[in-house]
Structure formats: C-alpha cells, structure tokens
PDB file of all heavy atoms in Angstrom:
ATOM      1  N   VAL A   1    -168.017-105.494 -69.903  1.00  0.00           N
ATOM      2  CA  VAL A   1    -168.237-104.089 -70.102  1.00  0.00           C
ATOM      3  C   VAL A   1    -168.571-103.687 -71.468  1.00  0.00           C
ATOM      4  O   VAL A   1    -169.427-102.812 -71.694  1.00  0.00           O
ATOM      5  CB  VAL A   1    -166.929-103.333 -69.677  1.00  0.00           C
ATOM      6  CG1 VAL A   1    -167.071-101.733 -69.811  1.00  0.00           C
ATOM      7  CG2 VAL A   1    -166.621-103.607 -68.288  1.00  0.00           C
ATOM      8  N   ILE A   2    -168.050-104.460 -72.465  1.00  0.00           N
ATOM      9  CA  ILE A   2    -168.498-104.248 -73.886  1.00  0.00           C
ATOM     10  C   ILE A   2    -170.000-104.545 -73.929  1.00  0.00           C
ATOM     11  O   ILE A   2    -170.830-103.634 -74.555  1.00  0.00           O
ATOM     12  CB  ILE A   2    -167.774-105.078 -74.886  1.00  0.00           C
ATOM     13  CG1 ILE A   2    -166.347-104.606 -75.044  1.00  0.00           C
ATOM     14  CG2 ILE A   2    -168.387-105.031 -76.279  1.00  0.00           C
ATOM     15  CD1 ILE A   2    -165.456-105.481 -75.813  1.00  0.00           C
ATOM     16  N   ARG A   3    -170.377-105.618 -73.392  1.00  0.00           N
ATOM     17  CA  ARG A   3    -171.939-105.929 -73.400  1.00  0.00           C
ATOM     18  C   ARG A   3    -172.723-105.042 -72.572  1.00  0.00           C
ATOM     19  O   ARG A   3    -173.991-104.738 -72.947  1.00  0.00           O
ATOM     20  CB  ARG A   3    -172.211-107.420 -72.961  1.00  0.00           C
ATOM     21  CG  ARG A   3    -171.533-108.404 -73.854  1.00  0.00           C
ATOM     22  CD  ARG A   3    -171.885-109.781 -73.395  1.00  0.00           C
ATOM     23  NE  ARG A   3    -171.217-110.816 -74.308  1.00  0.00           N
ATOM     24  CZ  ARG A   3    -171.427-112.135 -74.209  1.00  0.00           C
ATOM     25  NH1 ARG A   3    -172.443-112.550 -73.485  1.00  0.00           N
ATOM     26  NH2 ARG A   3    -170.871-112.928 -74.974  1.00  0.00           N
ATOM     27  N   GLN A   4    -172.174-104.360 -71.535  1.00  0.00           N
ATOM     28  CA  GLN A   4    -173.005-103.335 -70.663  1.00  0.00           C
ATOM     29  C   GLN A   4    -173.050-102.152 -71.518  1.00  0.00           C
ATOM     30  O   GLN A   4    -174.069-101.399 -71.657  1.00  0.00           O
ATOM     31  CB  GLN A   4    -172.142-103.127 -69.389  1.00  0.00           C
ATOM     32  CG  GLN A   4    -172.215-104.358 -68.337  1.00  0.00           C
ATOM     33  CD  GLN A   4    -171.312-104.010 -67.281  1.00  0.00           C
ATOM     34  OE1 GLN A   4    -170.256-103.268 -67.284  1.00  0.00           O
ATOM     35  NE2 GLN A   4    -171.535-104.710 -66.137  1.00  0.00           N
ATOM     36  N   VAL A   5    -171.890-101.646 -72.084  1.00  0.00           N
ATOM     37  CA  VAL A   5    -171.794-100.224 -72.718  1.00  0.00           C
ATOM     38  C   VAL A   5    -172.413-100.281 -74.161  1.00  0.00           C
ATOM     39  O   VAL A   5    -173.017 -99.359 -74.706  1.00  0.00           O
ATOM     40  CB  VAL A   5    -170.461 -99.846 -72.822  1.00  0.00           C
ATOM     41  CG1 VAL A   5    -170.169 -98.438 -73.547  1.00  0.00           C
ATOM     42  CG2 VAL A   5    -169.861 -99.551 -71.282  1.00  0.00           C
ATOM     43  N   ARG A   6    -172.148-101.547 -74.841  1.00  0.00           N
ATOM     44  CA  ARG A   6    -172.734-101.538 -76.330  1.00  0.00           C
ATOM     45  C   ARG A   6    -172.172-100.666 -77.123  1.00  0.00           C
ATOM     46  O   ARG A   6    -172.813 -99.920 -77.913  1.00  0.00           O
ATOM     47  CB  ARG A   6    -174.147-101.705 -76.317  1.00  0.00           C
ATOM     48  CG  ARG A   6    -174.612-102.830 -75.333  1.00  0.00           C
ATOM     49  CD  ARG A   6    -176.262-102.989 -75.260  1.00  0.00           C
ATOM     50  NE  ARG A   6    -176.844-103.549 -76.464  1.00  0.00           N
ATOM     51  CZ  ARG A   6    -176.945-104.868 -76.592  1.00  0.00           C
ATOM     52  NH1 ARG A   6    -176.377-105.761 -75.640  1.00  0.00           N
ATOM     53  NH2 ARG A   6    -177.535-105.313 -77.585  1.00  0.00           N
ATOM     54  N   PRO A   7    -170.719-100.510 -77.211  1.00  0.00           N
ATOM     55  CA  PRO A   7    -170.157 -99.382 -78.102  1.00  0.00           C
ATOM     56  C   PRO A   7    -170.111 -99.758 -79.575  1.00  0.00           C
ATOM     57  O   PRO A   7    -170.082-100.862 -79.867  1.00  0.00           O
ATOM     58  CB  PRO A   7    -168.767 -99.343 -77.569  1.00  0.00           C
ATOM     59  CG  PRO A   7    -168.465-100.737 -77.093  1.00  0.00           C
ATOM     60  CD  PRO A   7    -169.713-101.187 -76.554  1.00  0.00           C
ATOM     61  N   ASP A   8    -170.250 -98.781 -80.328  1.00  0.00           N
ATOM     62  CA  ASP A   8    -169.976 -98.754 -81.798  1.00  0.00           C
ATOM     63  C   ASP A   8    -168.486 -98.942 -82.002  1.00  0.00           C
ATOM     64  O   ASP A   8    -167.928 -99.609 -83.019  1.00  0.00           O
ATOM     65  CB  ASP A   8    -170.550 -97.606 -82.552  1.00  0.00           C
ATOM     66  CG  ASP A   8    -171.932 -97.482 -82.203  1.00  0.00           C
ATOM     67  OD1 ASP A   8    -172.748 -98.331 -82.607  1.00  0.00           O
ATOM     68  OD2 ASP A   8    -172.317 -96.428 -81.546  1.00  0.00           O
ATOM     69  N   LEU A   9    -167.686 -98.179 -81.278  1.00  0.00           N
ATOM     70  CA  LEU A   9    -166.191 -98.095 -81.478  1.00  0.00           C
ATOM     71  C   LEU A   9    -165.553 -98.386 -80.147  1.00  0.00           C
ATOM     72  O   LEU A   9    -165.837 -97.922 -79.119  1.00  0.00           O
ATOM     73  CB  LEU A   9    -165.824 -96.701 -81.987  1.00  0.00           C
ATOM     74  CG  LEU A   9    -164.363 -96.292 -81.875  1.00  0.00           C
ATOM     75  CD1 LEU A   9    -163.697 -97.028 -83.038  1.00  0.00           C
ATOM     76  CD2 LEU A   9    -164.250 -94.808 -82.188  1.00  0.00           C
ATOM     77  N   VAL A  10    -164.456 -99.148 -80.185  1.00  0.00           N
ATOM     78  CA  VAL A  10    -163.466 -99.427 -79.104  1.00  0.00           C
ATOM     79  C   VAL A  10    -162.149 -98.786 -79.473  1.00  0.00           C
ATOM     80  O   VAL A  10    -161.697 -99.099 -80.520  1.00  0.00           O
ATOM     81  CB  VAL A  10    -163.400-100.932 -78.769  1.00  0.00           C
ATOM     82  CG1 VAL A  10    -162.162-101.192 -77.915  1.00  0.00           C
ATOM     83  CG2 VAL A  10    -164.764-101.371 -78.121  1.00  0.00           C
ATOM     84  N   ILE A  11    -161.616 -98.054 -78.493  1.00  0.00           N
ATOM     85  CA  ILE A  11    -160.319 -97.508 -78.674  1.00  0.00           C
ATOM     86  C   ILE A  11    -159.401 -98.269 -77.639  1.00  0.00           C
ATOM     87  O   ILE A  11    -159.750 -98.271 -76.487  1.00  0.00           O
ATOM     88  CB  ILE A  11    -160.216 -95.941 -78.492  1.00  0.00           C
ATOM     89  CG1 ILE A  11    -161.145 -95.282 -79.524  1.00  0.00           C
ATOM     90  CG2 ILE A  11    -158.761 -95.547 -78.630  1.00  0.00           C
ATOM     91  CD1 ILE A  11    -161.275 -93.837 -79.153  1.00  0.00           C
ATOM     92  N   THR A  12    -158.183 -98.814 -78.099  1.00  0.00           N
ATOM     93  CA  THR A  12    -157.443 -99.528 -77.123  1.00  0.00           C
ATOM     94  C   THR A  12    -156.045 -99.442 -77.623  1.00  0.00           C
ATOM     95  O   THR A  12    -155.671 -98.871 -78.699  1.00  0.00           O
ATOM     96  CB  THR A  12    -157.884-100.895 -76.908  1.00  0.00           C
ATOM     97  OG1 THR A  12    -157.196-101.565 -75.766  1.00  0.00           O
ATOM     98  CG2 THR A  12    -157.616-101.823 -78.163  1.00  0.00           C
ATOM     99  N   HIS A  13    -155.103-100.082 -76.760  1.00  0.00           N
ATOM    100  CA  HIS A  13    -153.518-100.101 -77.174  1.00  0.00           C
ATOM    101  C   HIS A  13    -153.402-101.045 -78.300  1.00  0.00           C
ATOM    102  O   HIS A  13    -153.995-102.086 -78.479  1.00  0.00           O
ATOM    103  CB  HIS A  13    -152.870-100.658 -76.074  1.00  0.00           C
ATOM    104  CG  HIS A  13    -152.959 -99.809 -74.775  1.00  0.00           C
ATOM    105  ND1 HIS A  13    -152.366 -98.708 -74.527  1.00  0.00           N
ATOM    106  CD2 HIS A  13    -153.532-100.272 -73.578  1.00  0.00           C
ATOM    107  CE1 HIS A  13    -152.636 -98.195 -73.224  1.00  0.00           C
ATOM    108  NE2 HIS A  13    -153.363 -99.096 -72.680  1.00  0.00           N
ATOM    109  N   HIS A  14    -152.354-100.690 -79.155  1.00  0.00           N
ATOM    110  CA  HIS A  14    -151.891-101.694 -80.115  1.00  0.00           C
ATOM    111  C   HIS A  14    -151.200-102.851 -79.406  1.00  0.00           C
ATOM    112  O   HIS A  14    -150.293-102.707 -78.516  1.00  0.00           O
ATOM    113  CB  HIS A  14    -150.827-100.983 -81.106  1.00  0.00           C
ATOM    114  CG  HIS A  14    -150.661-101.695 -82.365  1.00  0.00           C
ATOM    115  ND1 HIS A  14    -150.204-102.969 -82.510  1.00  0.00           N
ATOM    116  CD2 HIS A  14    -151.014-101.209 -83.705  1.00  0.00           C
ATOM    117  CE1 HIS A  14    -150.309-103.241 -83.937  1.00  0.00           C
ATOM    118  NE2 HIS A  14    -150.740-102.220 -84.543  1.00  0.00           N
ATOM    119  N   PRO A  15    -151.467-104.162 -79.758  1.00  0.00           N
ATOM    120  CA  PRO A  15    -150.841-105.179 -79.069  1.00  0.00           C
ATOM    121  C   PRO A  15    -149.403-105.668 -79.562  1.00  0.00           C
ATOM    122  O   PRO A  15    -148.828-106.502 -78.872  1.00  0.00           O
ATOM    123  CB  PRO A  15    -151.927-106.417 -79.369  1.00  0.00           C
ATOM    124  CG  PRO A  15    -152.396-105.984 -80.758  1.00  0.00           C
ATOM    125  CD  PRO A  15    -152.426-104.572 -80.840  1.00  0.00           C
ATOM    126  N   ASP A  16    -148.967-105.021 -80.493  1.00  0.00           N
ATOM    127  CA  ASP A  16    -147.613-105.285 -81.070  1.00  0.00           C
ATOM    128  C   ASP A  16    -146.567-104.337 -80.563  1.00  0.00           C
ATOM    129  O   ASP A  16    -146.866-103.191 -80.286  1.00  0.00           O
ATOM    130  CB  ASP A  16    -147.556-105.334 -82.577  1.00  0.00           C
ATOM    131  CG  ASP A  16    -148.601-106.329 -83.212  1.00  0.00           C
ATOM    132  OD1 ASP A  16    -148.887-107.314 -82.523  1.00  0.00           O
ATOM    133  OD2 ASP A  16    -148.882-106.149 -84.314  1.00  0.00           O
ATOM    134  N   ARG A  17    -145.376-104.782 -80.293  1.00  0.00           N
ATOM    135  CA  ARG A  17    -144.261-103.936 -79.918  1.00  0.00           C
ATOM    136  C   ARG A  17    -143.940-102.908 -81.058  1.00  0.00           C
ATOM    137  O   ARG A  17    -143.875-103.265 -82.268  1.00  0.00           O
ATOM    138  CB  ARG A  17    -143.110-104.774 -79.630  1.00  0.00           C
ATOM    139  CG  ARG A  17    -141.988-103.932 -78.802  1.00  0.00           C
ATOM    140  CD  ARG A  17    -140.744-104.778 -78.562  1.00  0.00           C
ATOM    141  NE  ARG A  17    -141.051-105.937 -77.689  1.00  0.00           N
ATOM    142  CZ  ARG A  17    -141.131-105.839 -76.352  1.00  0.00           C
ATOM    143  NH1 ARG A  17    -140.928-104.576 -75.761  1.00  0.00           N
ATOM    144  NH2 ARG A  17    -141.351-106.879 -75.619  1.00  0.00           N
ATOM    145  N   ASN A  18    -143.894-101.614 -80.586  1.00  0.00           N
ATOM    146  CA  ASN A  18    -143.488-100.602 -81.582  1.00  0.00           C
ATOM    147  C   ASN A  18    -141.904-100.452 -81.521  1.00  0.00           C
ATOM    148  O   ASN A  18    -141.446 -99.885 -80.417  1.00  0.00           O
ATOM    149  CB  ASN A  18    -144.109 -99.324 -81.158  1.00  0.00           C
ATOM    150  CG  ASN A  18    -143.888 -98.007 -82.063  1.00  0.00           C
ATOM    151  OD1 ASN A  18    -142.912 -98.124 -82.874  1.00  0.00           O
ATOM    152  ND2 ASN A  18    -144.799 -97.203 -82.130  1.00  0.00           N
ATOM    153  N   TYR A  19    -141.161-100.916 -82.533  1.00  0.00           N
ATOM    154  CA  TYR A  19    -139.742-100.785 -82.532  1.00  0.00           C
ATOM    155  C   TYR A  19    -139.285 -99.357 -82.925  1.00  0.00           C
ATOM    156  O   TYR A  19    -138.083 -99.066 -82.883  1.00  0.00           O
ATOM    157  CB  TYR A  19    -139.159-101.675 -83.470  1.00  0.00           C
ATOM    158  CG  TYR A  19    -139.346-103.121 -82.875  1.00  0.00           C
ATOM    159  CD1 TYR A  19    -140.366-104.032 -83.426  1.00  0.00           C
ATOM    160  CD2 TYR A  19    -138.533-103.720 -81.900  1.00  0.00           C
ATOM    161  CE1 TYR A  19    -140.566-105.279 -82.968  1.00  0.00           C
ATOM    162  CE2 TYR A  19    -138.745-104.988 -81.469  1.00  0.00           C
ATOM    163  CZ  TYR A  19    -139.834-105.686 -81.911  1.00  0.00           C
ATOM    164  OH  TYR A  19    -139.935-107.011 -81.373  1.00  0.00           O
ATOM    165  N   HIS A  20    -140.153 -98.388 -83.350  1.00  0.00           N
ATOM    166  CA  HIS A  20    -139.756 -97.157 -83.543  1.00  0.00           C
ATOM    167  C   HIS A  20    -139.729 -96.204 -82.249  1.00  0.00           C
ATOM    168  O   HIS A  20    -139.075 -95.174 -82.233  1.00  0.00           O
ATOM    169  CB  HIS A  20    -140.689 -96.424 -84.625  1.00  0.00           C
ATOM    170  CG  HIS A  20    -140.644 -97.313 -86.017  1.00  0.00           C
ATOM    171  ND1 HIS A  20    -139.558 -97.273 -86.684  1.00  0.00           N
ATOM    172  CD2 HIS A  20    -141.507 -97.944 -86.539  1.00  0.00           C
ATOM    173  CE1 HIS A  20    -139.751 -97.958 -87.882  1.00  0.00           C
ATOM    174  NE2 HIS A  20    -140.967 -98.391 -87.799  1.00  0.00           N
ATOM    175  N   ASN A  21    -140.647 -96.536 -81.385  1.00  0.00           N
ATOM    176  CA  ASN A  21    -140.716 -95.741 -80.180  1.00  0.00           C
ATOM    177  C   ASN A  21    -141.300 -96.702 -79.007  1.00  0.00           C
ATOM    178  O   ASN A  21    -142.423 -97.139 -79.044  1.00  0.00           O
ATOM    179  CB  ASN A  21    -141.865 -94.636 -80.401  1.00  0.00           C
ATOM    180  CG  ASN A  21    -142.133 -93.863 -79.180  1.00  0.00           C
ATOM    181  OD1 ASN A  21    -141.412 -94.082 -78.091  1.00  0.00           O
ATOM    182  ND2 ASN A  21    -143.125 -93.003 -79.053  1.00  0.00           N
ATOM    183  N   VAL A  22    -140.437 -97.041 -78.154  1.00  0.00           N
ATOM    184  CA  VAL A  22    -140.741 -98.147 -77.236  1.00  0.00           C
ATOM    185  C   VAL A  22    -141.788 -97.682 -76.079  1.00  0.00           C
ATOM    186  O   VAL A  22    -142.389 -98.640 -75.540  1.00  0.00           O
ATOM    187  CB  VAL A  22    -139.298 -98.609 -76.484  1.00  0.00           C
ATOM    188  CG1 VAL A  22    -138.893 -97.531 -75.426  1.00  0.00           C
ATOM    189  CG2 VAL A  22    -139.513-100.017 -75.868  1.00  0.00           C
ATOM    190  N   ALA A  23    -141.986 -96.448 -75.831  1.00  0.00           N
ATOM    191  CA  ALA A  23    -142.809 -96.028 -74.848  1.00  0.00           C
ATOM    192  C   ALA A  23    -144.198 -96.618 -74.867  1.00  0.00           C
ATOM    193  O   ALA A  23    -144.639 -97.016 -73.691  1.00  0.00           O
ATOM    194  CB  ALA A  23    -142.881 -94.477 -74.766  1.00  0.00           C
ATOM    195  N   PRO A  24    -144.802 -96.759 -75.992  1.00  0.00           N
ATOM    196  CA  PRO A  24    -146.188 -97.296 -76.063  1.00  0.00           C
ATOM    197  C   PRO A  24    -146.336 -98.735 -75.832  1.00  0.00           C
ATOM    198  O   PRO A  24    -147.314 -99.284 -75.747  1.00  0.00           O
ATOM    199  CB  PRO A  24    -146.748 -96.879 -77.435  1.00  0.00           C
ATOM    200  CG  PRO A  24    -145.856 -95.894 -77.946  1.00  0.00           C
ATOM    201  CD  PRO A  24    -144.469 -96.229 -77.318  1.00  0.00           C
ATOM    202  N   SER A  25    -145.079 -99.418 -75.775  1.00  0.00           N
ATOM    203  CA  SER A  25    -145.072-100.869 -75.789  1.00  0.00           C
ATOM    204  C   SER A  25    -144.797-101.403 -74.406  1.00  0.00           C
ATOM    205  O   SER A  25    -144.281-102.538 -74.261  1.00  0.00           O
ATOM    206  CB  SER A  25    -143.869-101.392 -76.671  1.00  0.00           C
ATOM    207  OG  SER A  25    -144.218-100.918 -78.097  1.00  0.00           O
ATOM    208  N   HIS A  26    -145.253-100.775 -73.348  1.00  0.00           N
ATOM    209  CA  HIS A  26    -145.351-101.282 -72.027  1.00  0.00           C
ATOM    210  C   HIS A  26    -146.000-102.722 -72.051  1.00  0.00           C
ATOM    211  O   HIS A  26    -146.964-102.889 -72.762  1.00  0.00           O
ATOM    212  CB  HIS A  26    -145.968-100.420 -71.129  1.00  0.00           C
ATOM    213  CG  HIS A  26    -145.918-100.826 -69.626  1.00  0.00           C
ATOM    214  ND1 HIS A  26    -146.553-101.869 -69.180  1.00  0.00           N
ATOM    215  CD2 HIS A  26    -145.411-100.136 -68.596  1.00  0.00           C
ATOM    216  CE1 HIS A  26    -146.446-101.867 -67.779  1.00  0.00           C
ATOM    217  NE2 HIS A  26    -145.536-100.757 -67.494  1.00  0.00           N
ATOM    218  N   PRO A  27    -145.495-103.590 -71.310  1.00  0.00           N
ATOM    219  CA  PRO A  27    -146.115-105.005 -71.341  1.00  0.00           C
ATOM    220  C   PRO A  27    -147.644-104.942 -71.144  1.00  0.00           C
ATOM    221  O   PRO A  27    -148.272-105.878 -71.605  1.00  0.00           O
ATOM    222  CB  PRO A  27    -145.369-105.855 -70.415  1.00  0.00           C
ATOM    223  CG  PRO A  27    -143.974-105.270 -70.360  1.00  0.00           C
ATOM    224  CD  PRO A  27    -144.211-103.685 -70.551  1.00  0.00           C
ATOM    225  N   ASP A  28    -147.982-104.159 -70.046  1.00  0.00           N
ATOM    226  CA  ASP A  28    -149.379-103.989 -69.792  1.00  0.00           C
ATOM    227  C   ASP A  28    -150.198-103.548 -70.896  1.00  0.00           C
ATOM    228  O   ASP A  28    -151.398-103.931 -71.282  1.00  0.00           O
ATOM    229  CB  ASP A  28    -149.591-103.010 -68.538  1.00  0.00           C
ATOM    230  CG  ASP A  28    -149.174-103.651 -67.159  1.00  0.00           C
ATOM    231  OD1 ASP A  28    -148.833-104.816 -67.220  1.00  0.00           O
ATOM    232  OD2 ASP A  28    -149.203-102.850 -66.232  1.00  0.00           O
ATOM    233  N   HIS A  29    -149.633-102.495 -71.624  1.00  0.00           N
ATOM    234  CA  HIS A  29    -150.386-101.949 -72.849  1.00  0.00           C
ATOM    235  C   HIS A  29    -150.729-103.115 -73.848  1.00  0.00           C
ATOM    236  O   HIS A  29    -151.838-103.292 -74.465  1.00  0.00           O
ATOM    237  CB  HIS A  29    -149.568-101.020 -73.516  1.00  0.00           C
ATOM    238  CG  HIS A  29    -149.333 -99.810 -72.764  1.00  0.00           C
ATOM    239  ND1 HIS A  29    -148.631 -98.636 -73.196  1.00  0.00           N
ATOM    240  CD2 HIS A  29    -149.719 -99.350 -71.378  1.00  0.00           C
ATOM    241  CE1 HIS A  29    -148.604 -97.711 -72.191  1.00  0.00           C
ATOM    242  NE2 HIS A  29    -149.210 -98.072 -71.207  1.00  0.00           N
ATOM    243  N   ARG A  30    -149.559-103.917 -74.131  1.00  0.00           N
ATOM    244  CA  ARG A  30    -149.771-105.019 -75.104  1.00  0.00           C
ATOM    245  C   ARG A  30    -150.682-105.972 -74.770  1.00  0.00           C
ATOM    246  O   ARG A  30    -151.494-106.417 -75.511  1.00  0.00           O
ATOM    247  CB  ARG A  30    -148.326-105.560 -75.500  1.00  0.00           C
ATOM    248  CG  ARG A  30    -147.505-104.533 -76.252  1.00  0.00           C
ATOM    249  CD  ARG A  30    -146.023-105.100 -76.635  1.00  0.00           C
ATOM    250  NE  ARG A  30    -145.221-105.140 -75.527  1.00  0.00           N
ATOM    251  CZ  ARG A  30    -144.647-106.316 -75.113  1.00  0.00           C
ATOM    252  NH1 ARG A  30    -144.876-107.390 -75.593  1.00  0.00           N
ATOM    253  NH2 ARG A  30    -143.744-106.122 -74.057  1.00  0.00           N
ATOM    254  N   ALA A  31    -150.695-106.426 -73.419  1.00  0.00           N
ATOM    255  CA  ALA A  31    -151.550-107.392 -72.830  1.00  0.00           C
ATOM    256  C   ALA A  31    -152.982-106.901 -72.830  1.00  0.00           C
ATOM    257  O   ALA A  31    -153.947-107.708 -73.280  1.00  0.00           O
ATOM    258  CB  ALA A  31    -151.144-107.749 -71.465  1.00  0.00           C
ATOM    259  N   VAL A  32    -153.188-105.786 -72.609  1.00  0.00           N
ATOM    260  CA  VAL A  32    -154.698-105.093 -72.630  1.00  0.00           C
ATOM    261  C   VAL A  32    -154.978-104.924 -74.050  1.00  0.00           C
ATOM    262  O   VAL A  32    -156.301-105.267 -74.412  1.00  0.00           O
ATOM    263  CB  VAL A  32    -154.640-103.789 -71.904  1.00  0.00           C
ATOM    264  CG1 VAL A  32    -156.009-103.097 -72.020  1.00  0.00           C
ATOM    265  CG2 VAL A  32    -154.410-104.040 -70.332  1.00  0.00           C
TER     266      VAL A  32
END
C-alpha cells in the first residue's frame, strides 16, 4: 500500500509499550 499510495508521511501506532497509559499499547497496536 505504501508503494501504491506513495505517501510523504505515514502515521501509525508507537511500537513500544506506554507505561504511563496502557490503553494505546494493545498488542495489535504495537505489532502494527
């Protein structure tokens, strides 16, 4: 999809666990 869309910017999840707020650290989020 990157090669199809050819974006200048990609926005995605942080891959590291957030120890201050666990909600963003769903395993799927970190894997993606």
